[in-house]
Every structure is written in C-alpha cells, then in structure tokens.
Amino acid sequence: MKALARSILMIEMLGVSLTFASFSFGAASNPAARRLFEANCSMCHGPDGKGKPGHTPNFTSPRWQARHSNQRIVAAITNGVKGTMMPAWKGKLTTAQIHSLMHFIRSLNAANSAHM
C-alpha cells in the first residue's frame, strides 16, 4: 500500500512539474506572469528585472541566472532572503504563482539574450 501511495505521489509531482514547466517557454510574454511580477516585484527589481545596482539583483544577467537554481529562486520568493529587504511571499501568493514568477524570472535571461 505504501508503494502505491508513493507511486501516486510521484505521478502527482510529475504532473505539477509538467504544469510548471509549461511556464518556462515564453514566460516573459505570459501576460499573467508579467502582471504578477509588475504588481509584486517590479517596485524593487524594476519593470525589466534589471534590479537596482547595489540593492537588488539583475535577473537578466546570465551570471546571476547561472548561480541560482530554480529551487533557490522559489525558496527566496517563498521565504524571503535573510539580511535583505526581500520579503517572504508565502501566504500572500499561491505555490503556482510563486512558480510562475520563478519561470518568469528565468525567461528574463532568455529575453535579454534574444535582444543582444
């Protein structure tokens, strides 16, 4: 019975992963993710995600993108970042919204690269 429950959980997790993965393609053009970023993040991170030098990171930087895993980005949004002004969004945004923000942030690197 435990094996069945574990298998069902794995399938559910895979389904969630596939759902979230769909945000990664064209997330910068995803109007809902963009609105979510603009409403909750742009006041500190800028409307283009380039941040404020010395205060907030530049999400369009390939170096920043390479140094931050998806899990680290989700954790930062969910729990905030200790020692910084980054607040925790847990309880304010849903898990799906947090993941869509992560994919939107990821897409800013791709959008930046496409314009080079």
N, C-alpha and C. Protein backbone atom coordinates (compact mmCIF):
# COMPACT_ATOMS: atom_id res chain seq x y z
N MET A 1 0.82 -1.19 0.00
CA MET A 1 0.00 0.00 0.00
C MET A 1 0.86 1.26 0.00
N LYS A 2 1.99 1.24 0.77
CA LYS A 2 2.88 2.39 0.80
C LYS A 2 3.49 2.64 -0.58
N ALA A 3 3.80 1.55 -1.28
CA ALA A 3 4.38 1.69 -2.62
C ALA A 3 3.38 2.35 -3.56
N LEU A 4 2.10 1.99 -3.46
CA LEU A 4 1.06 2.59 -4.29
C LEU A 4 0.93 4.08 -3.97
N ALA A 5 0.90 4.40 -2.69
CA ALA A 5 0.79 5.81 -2.29
C ALA A 5 1.99 6.60 -2.79
N ARG A 6 3.18 6.02 -2.70
CA ARG A 6 4.40 6.68 -3.17
C ARG A 6 4.33 6.88 -4.69
N SER A 7 3.82 5.88 -5.41
CA SER A 7 3.70 6.00 -6.87
C SER A 7 2.72 7.09 -7.25
N ILE A 8 1.61 7.17 -6.54
CA ILE A 8 0.61 8.20 -6.82
C ILE A 8 1.21 9.58 -6.55
N LEU A 9 1.94 9.71 -5.45
CA LEU A 9 2.59 10.97 -5.13
C LEU A 9 3.58 11.36 -6.22
N MET A 10 4.37 10.40 -6.70
CA MET A 10 5.34 10.67 -7.75
C MET A 10 4.64 11.14 -9.02
N ILE A 11 3.53 10.52 -9.36
CA ILE A 11 2.77 10.91 -10.56
C ILE A 11 2.22 12.31 -10.38
N GLU A 12 1.68 12.60 -9.18
CA GLU A 12 1.16 13.94 -8.92
C GLU A 12 2.27 14.97 -9.02
N MET A 13 3.44 14.65 -8.45
CA MET A 13 4.57 15.58 -8.51
C MET A 13 5.02 15.79 -9.95
N LEU A 14 5.03 14.75 -10.74
CA LEU A 14 5.40 14.86 -12.14
C LEU A 14 4.39 15.75 -12.87
N GLY A 15 3.12 15.56 -12.58
CA GLY A 15 2.08 16.39 -13.19
C GLY A 15 2.26 17.85 -12.84
N VAL A 16 2.57 18.13 -11.60
CA VAL A 16 2.82 19.50 -11.17
C VAL A 16 4.05 20.05 -11.88
N SER A 17 5.11 19.24 -11.95
CA SER A 17 6.33 19.68 -12.63
C SER A 17 6.06 19.99 -14.09
N LEU A 18 5.26 19.15 -14.74
CA LEU A 18 4.94 19.41 -16.15
C LEU A 18 4.12 20.67 -16.29
N THR A 19 3.21 20.91 -15.36
CA THR A 19 2.41 22.12 -15.39
C THR A 19 3.29 23.34 -15.24
N PHE A 20 4.20 23.33 -14.26
CA PHE A 20 5.07 24.46 -14.05
C PHE A 20 6.04 24.62 -15.21
N ALA A 21 6.48 23.53 -15.80
CA ALA A 21 7.43 23.60 -16.91
C ALA A 21 6.83 24.35 -18.08
N SER A 22 5.51 24.30 -18.24
CA SER A 22 4.89 24.99 -19.36
C SER A 22 5.07 26.50 -19.27
N PHE A 23 5.31 27.04 -18.07
CA PHE A 23 5.54 28.46 -17.93
C PHE A 23 6.89 28.89 -18.49
N SER A 24 7.84 27.96 -18.57
CA SER A 24 9.20 28.34 -18.93
C SER A 24 9.32 28.76 -20.39
N PHE A 25 8.46 28.27 -21.24
CA PHE A 25 8.52 28.64 -22.63
C PHE A 25 7.67 29.88 -22.85
N GLY A 26 8.33 30.98 -23.13
CA GLY A 26 7.61 32.22 -23.38
C GLY A 26 7.04 32.86 -22.14
N ALA A 27 7.63 32.60 -20.99
CA ALA A 27 7.11 33.18 -19.75
C ALA A 27 7.16 34.69 -19.78
N ALA A 28 8.18 35.27 -20.41
CA ALA A 28 8.27 36.73 -20.48
C ALA A 28 7.08 37.30 -21.23
N SER A 29 6.51 36.54 -22.14
CA SER A 29 5.33 37.00 -22.86
C SER A 29 4.04 36.50 -22.22
N ASN A 30 4.15 35.76 -21.11
CA ASN A 30 2.99 35.27 -20.39
C ASN A 30 2.37 36.46 -19.65
N PRO A 31 1.21 36.96 -20.12
CA PRO A 31 0.63 38.17 -19.52
C PRO A 31 0.33 38.04 -18.02
N ALA A 32 -0.13 36.88 -17.59
CA ALA A 32 -0.45 36.71 -16.16
C ALA A 32 0.82 36.77 -15.30
N ALA A 33 1.88 36.11 -15.75
CA ALA A 33 3.14 36.13 -15.00
C ALA A 33 3.74 37.52 -15.01
N ARG A 34 3.67 38.19 -16.13
CA ARG A 34 4.18 39.56 -16.23
C ARG A 34 3.42 40.48 -15.27
N ARG A 35 2.10 40.38 -15.25
CA ARG A 35 1.29 41.22 -14.34
C ARG A 35 1.64 40.92 -12.88
N LEU A 36 1.83 39.65 -12.57
CA LEU A 36 2.19 39.24 -11.21
C LEU A 36 3.54 39.86 -10.82
N PHE A 37 4.51 39.81 -11.72
CA PHE A 37 5.82 40.41 -11.49
C PHE A 37 5.68 41.92 -11.32
N GLU A 38 4.95 42.55 -12.22
CA GLU A 38 4.78 44.00 -12.16
C GLU A 38 4.11 44.44 -10.87
N ALA A 39 3.10 43.69 -10.42
CA ALA A 39 2.35 44.05 -9.22
C ALA A 39 3.12 43.81 -7.93
N ASN A 40 3.98 42.79 -7.91
CA ASN A 40 4.60 42.39 -6.65
C ASN A 40 6.12 42.54 -6.59
N CYS A 41 6.78 42.64 -7.73
CA CYS A 41 8.24 42.58 -7.75
C CYS A 41 8.91 43.82 -8.36
N SER A 42 8.24 44.44 -9.30
CA SER A 42 8.89 45.49 -10.10
C SER A 42 9.28 46.72 -9.29
N MET A 43 8.61 46.98 -8.17
CA MET A 43 8.96 48.16 -7.39
C MET A 43 10.39 48.08 -6.85
N CYS A 44 10.89 46.88 -6.62
CA CYS A 44 12.27 46.70 -6.16
C CYS A 44 13.20 46.18 -7.27
N HIS A 45 12.67 45.32 -8.13
CA HIS A 45 13.50 44.67 -9.13
C HIS A 45 13.41 45.33 -10.50
N GLY A 46 12.62 46.39 -10.61
CA GLY A 46 12.46 47.10 -11.87
C GLY A 46 11.50 46.39 -12.81
N PRO A 47 10.85 47.12 -13.68
CA PRO A 47 9.87 46.51 -14.60
C PRO A 47 10.49 45.54 -15.58
N ASP A 48 11.80 45.70 -15.81
CA ASP A 48 12.51 44.85 -16.76
C ASP A 48 13.33 43.76 -16.06
N GLY A 49 13.29 43.73 -14.70
CA GLY A 49 14.02 42.72 -13.94
C GLY A 49 15.51 42.99 -13.81
N LYS A 50 15.95 44.20 -14.20
CA LYS A 50 17.38 44.51 -14.14
C LYS A 50 17.82 44.97 -12.75
N GLY A 51 16.87 45.12 -11.83
CA GLY A 51 17.19 45.46 -10.46
C GLY A 51 17.74 46.86 -10.30
N LYS A 52 18.19 47.12 -9.08
CA LYS A 52 18.80 48.40 -8.75
C LYS A 52 20.21 48.09 -8.26
N PRO A 53 21.24 48.58 -8.97
CA PRO A 53 22.62 48.26 -8.61
C PRO A 53 22.90 48.48 -7.12
N GLY A 54 23.48 47.47 -6.52
CA GLY A 54 23.81 47.53 -5.10
C GLY A 54 22.67 47.21 -4.17
N HIS A 55 21.47 47.04 -4.71
CA HIS A 55 20.29 46.79 -3.87
C HIS A 55 19.55 45.51 -4.22
N THR A 56 19.27 45.32 -5.50
CA THR A 56 18.55 44.13 -5.93
C THR A 56 19.23 43.53 -7.16
N PRO A 57 19.14 42.22 -7.32
CA PRO A 57 19.86 41.56 -8.42
C PRO A 57 19.29 41.88 -9.80
N ASN A 58 20.16 41.73 -10.77
CA ASN A 58 19.79 41.87 -12.17
C ASN A 58 19.42 40.48 -12.69
N PHE A 59 18.13 40.21 -12.81
CA PHE A 59 17.67 38.90 -13.25
C PHE A 59 18.01 38.62 -14.71
N THR A 60 18.36 39.65 -15.46
CA THR A 60 18.69 39.44 -16.87
C THR A 60 20.15 39.03 -17.06
N SER A 61 20.92 39.04 -15.99
CA SER A 61 22.33 38.69 -16.06
C SER A 61 22.52 37.18 -16.20
N PRO A 62 23.19 36.75 -17.26
CA PRO A 62 23.46 35.31 -17.40
C PRO A 62 24.24 34.76 -16.20
N ARG A 63 25.11 35.57 -15.63
CA ARG A 63 25.88 35.14 -14.46
C ARG A 63 24.96 34.90 -13.26
N TRP A 64 24.03 35.83 -13.02
CA TRP A 64 23.08 35.65 -11.92
C TRP A 64 22.23 34.41 -12.17
N GLN A 65 21.75 34.27 -13.40
CA GLN A 65 20.91 33.12 -13.76
C GLN A 65 21.64 31.80 -13.52
N ALA A 66 22.92 31.75 -13.88
CA ALA A 66 23.70 30.51 -13.73
C ALA A 66 23.94 30.16 -12.26
N ARG A 67 23.99 31.16 -11.42
CA ARG A 67 24.29 30.94 -10.00
C ARG A 67 23.07 30.61 -9.14
N HIS A 68 21.88 30.70 -9.71
CA HIS A 68 20.66 30.49 -8.94
C HIS A 68 19.81 29.38 -9.55
N SER A 69 19.64 28.30 -8.80
CA SER A 69 18.79 27.19 -9.26
C SER A 69 17.33 27.60 -9.15
N ASN A 70 16.50 26.87 -9.84
CA ASN A 70 15.05 27.11 -9.73
C ASN A 70 14.61 27.00 -8.28
N GLN A 71 15.14 25.99 -7.56
CA GLN A 71 14.76 25.79 -6.17
C GLN A 71 15.18 26.98 -5.31
N ARG A 72 16.34 27.54 -5.58
CA ARG A 72 16.81 28.69 -4.81
C ARG A 72 15.93 29.92 -5.06
N ILE A 73 15.51 30.11 -6.30
CA ILE A 73 14.63 31.23 -6.63
C ILE A 73 13.28 31.05 -5.94
N VAL A 74 12.73 29.84 -6.02
CA VAL A 74 11.44 29.56 -5.36
C VAL A 74 11.56 29.79 -3.85
N ALA A 75 12.65 29.32 -3.26
CA ALA A 75 12.85 29.49 -1.81
C ALA A 75 12.95 30.96 -1.45
N ALA A 76 13.64 31.76 -2.26
CA ALA A 76 13.78 33.19 -1.99
C ALA A 76 12.42 33.89 -2.06
N ILE A 77 11.63 33.55 -3.05
CA ILE A 77 10.30 34.15 -3.17
C ILE A 77 9.42 33.69 -2.02
N THR A 78 9.45 32.42 -1.72
CA THR A 78 8.59 31.84 -0.69
C THR A 78 8.95 32.35 0.70
N ASN A 79 10.23 32.28 1.06
CA ASN A 79 10.66 32.55 2.43
C ASN A 79 11.35 33.88 2.64
N GLY A 80 11.57 34.63 1.57
CA GLY A 80 12.34 35.86 1.68
C GLY A 80 13.82 35.54 1.75
N VAL A 81 14.64 36.58 1.85
CA VAL A 81 16.09 36.39 1.93
C VAL A 81 16.57 37.11 3.18
N LYS A 82 17.06 36.33 4.12
CA LYS A 82 17.54 36.86 5.39
C LYS A 82 18.65 37.89 5.16
N GLY A 83 18.58 38.97 5.90
CA GLY A 83 19.60 40.01 5.79
C GLY A 83 19.39 40.97 4.64
N THR A 84 18.27 40.83 3.93
CA THR A 84 17.96 41.73 2.82
C THR A 84 16.53 42.26 3.01
N MET A 85 16.12 43.09 2.09
CA MET A 85 14.76 43.63 2.12
C MET A 85 13.75 42.69 1.44
N MET A 86 14.24 41.56 0.90
CA MET A 86 13.35 40.62 0.20
C MET A 86 12.40 39.97 1.19
N PRO A 87 11.08 40.25 1.04
CA PRO A 87 10.11 39.67 1.96
C PRO A 87 9.70 38.26 1.56
N ALA A 88 9.11 37.56 2.48
CA ALA A 88 8.54 36.24 2.20
C ALA A 88 7.16 36.44 1.58
N TRP A 89 6.89 35.71 0.51
CA TRP A 89 5.59 35.80 -0.16
C TRP A 89 4.69 34.62 0.18
N LYS A 90 5.20 33.70 0.98
CA LYS A 90 4.39 32.55 1.41
C LYS A 90 3.16 33.08 2.14
N GLY A 91 2.00 32.56 1.76
CA GLY A 91 0.75 33.01 2.36
C GLY A 91 0.13 34.20 1.65
N LYS A 92 0.93 34.90 0.83
CA LYS A 92 0.43 36.04 0.06
C LYS A 92 0.22 35.65 -1.39
N LEU A 93 1.08 34.74 -1.87
CA LEU A 93 0.97 34.21 -3.23
C LEU A 93 0.80 32.70 -3.13
N THR A 94 0.12 32.12 -4.09
CA THR A 94 -0.03 30.67 -4.12
C THR A 94 1.26 30.03 -4.61
N THR A 95 1.37 28.73 -4.40
CA THR A 95 2.53 27.99 -4.89
C THR A 95 2.63 28.13 -6.41
N ALA A 96 1.51 28.06 -7.09
CA ALA A 96 1.52 28.20 -8.55
C ALA A 96 2.00 29.59 -8.96
N GLN A 97 1.59 30.62 -8.25
CA GLN A 97 2.04 31.98 -8.57
C GLN A 97 3.54 32.12 -8.33
N ILE A 98 4.03 31.55 -7.25
CA ILE A 98 5.46 31.61 -6.94
C ILE A 98 6.25 30.91 -8.04
N HIS A 99 5.78 29.76 -8.49
CA HIS A 99 6.48 29.05 -9.56
C HIS A 99 6.39 29.81 -10.88
N SER A 100 5.26 30.46 -11.14
CA SER A 100 5.17 31.24 -12.38
C SER A 100 6.13 32.42 -12.33
N LEU A 101 6.32 33.01 -11.14
CA LEU A 101 7.30 34.09 -11.01
C LEU A 101 8.72 33.57 -11.27
N MET A 102 9.01 32.39 -10.73
CA MET A 102 10.34 31.81 -10.96
C MET A 102 10.57 31.61 -12.46
N HIS A 103 9.59 31.08 -13.16
CA HIS A 103 9.75 30.86 -14.60
C HIS A 103 9.82 32.18 -15.35
N PHE A 104 9.08 33.17 -14.88
CA PHE A 104 9.15 34.50 -15.50
C PHE A 104 10.56 35.07 -15.33
N ILE A 105 11.10 34.96 -14.11
CA ILE A 105 12.46 35.44 -13.84
C ILE A 105 13.45 34.70 -14.73
N ARG A 106 13.29 33.40 -14.89
CA ARG A 106 14.17 32.63 -15.79
C ARG A 106 14.07 33.15 -17.22
N SER A 107 12.88 33.50 -17.64
CA SER A 107 12.68 33.93 -19.03
C SER A 107 13.31 35.29 -19.31
N LEU A 108 13.55 36.07 -18.26
CA LEU A 108 14.17 37.38 -18.48
C LEU A 108 15.57 37.24 -19.04
N ASN A 109 16.28 36.20 -18.64
CA ASN A 109 17.59 35.93 -19.20
C ASN A 109 17.48 35.59 -20.68
N ALA A 110 16.52 34.76 -21.03
CA ALA A 110 16.33 34.39 -22.43
C ALA A 110 15.90 35.59 -23.25
N ALA A 111 15.02 36.41 -22.69
CA ALA A 111 14.55 37.60 -23.40
C ALA A 111 15.71 38.57 -23.62
N ASN A 112 16.58 38.71 -22.62
CA ASN A 112 17.75 39.57 -22.72
C ASN A 112 18.70 39.07 -23.80
N SER A 113 18.92 37.76 -23.82
CA SER A 113 19.84 37.17 -24.80
C SER A 113 19.32 37.32 -26.22
N ALA A 114 18.01 37.27 -26.38
CA ALA A 114 17.41 37.36 -27.71
C ALA A 114 17.60 38.76 -28.30
N HIS A 115 17.78 39.77 -27.45
CA HIS A 115 17.91 41.14 -27.94
C HIS A 115 19.36 41.57 -28.10
N MET A 116 20.31 40.69 -27.85
CA MET A 116 21.73 41.05 -27.96
C MET A 116 22.18 41.04 -29.40
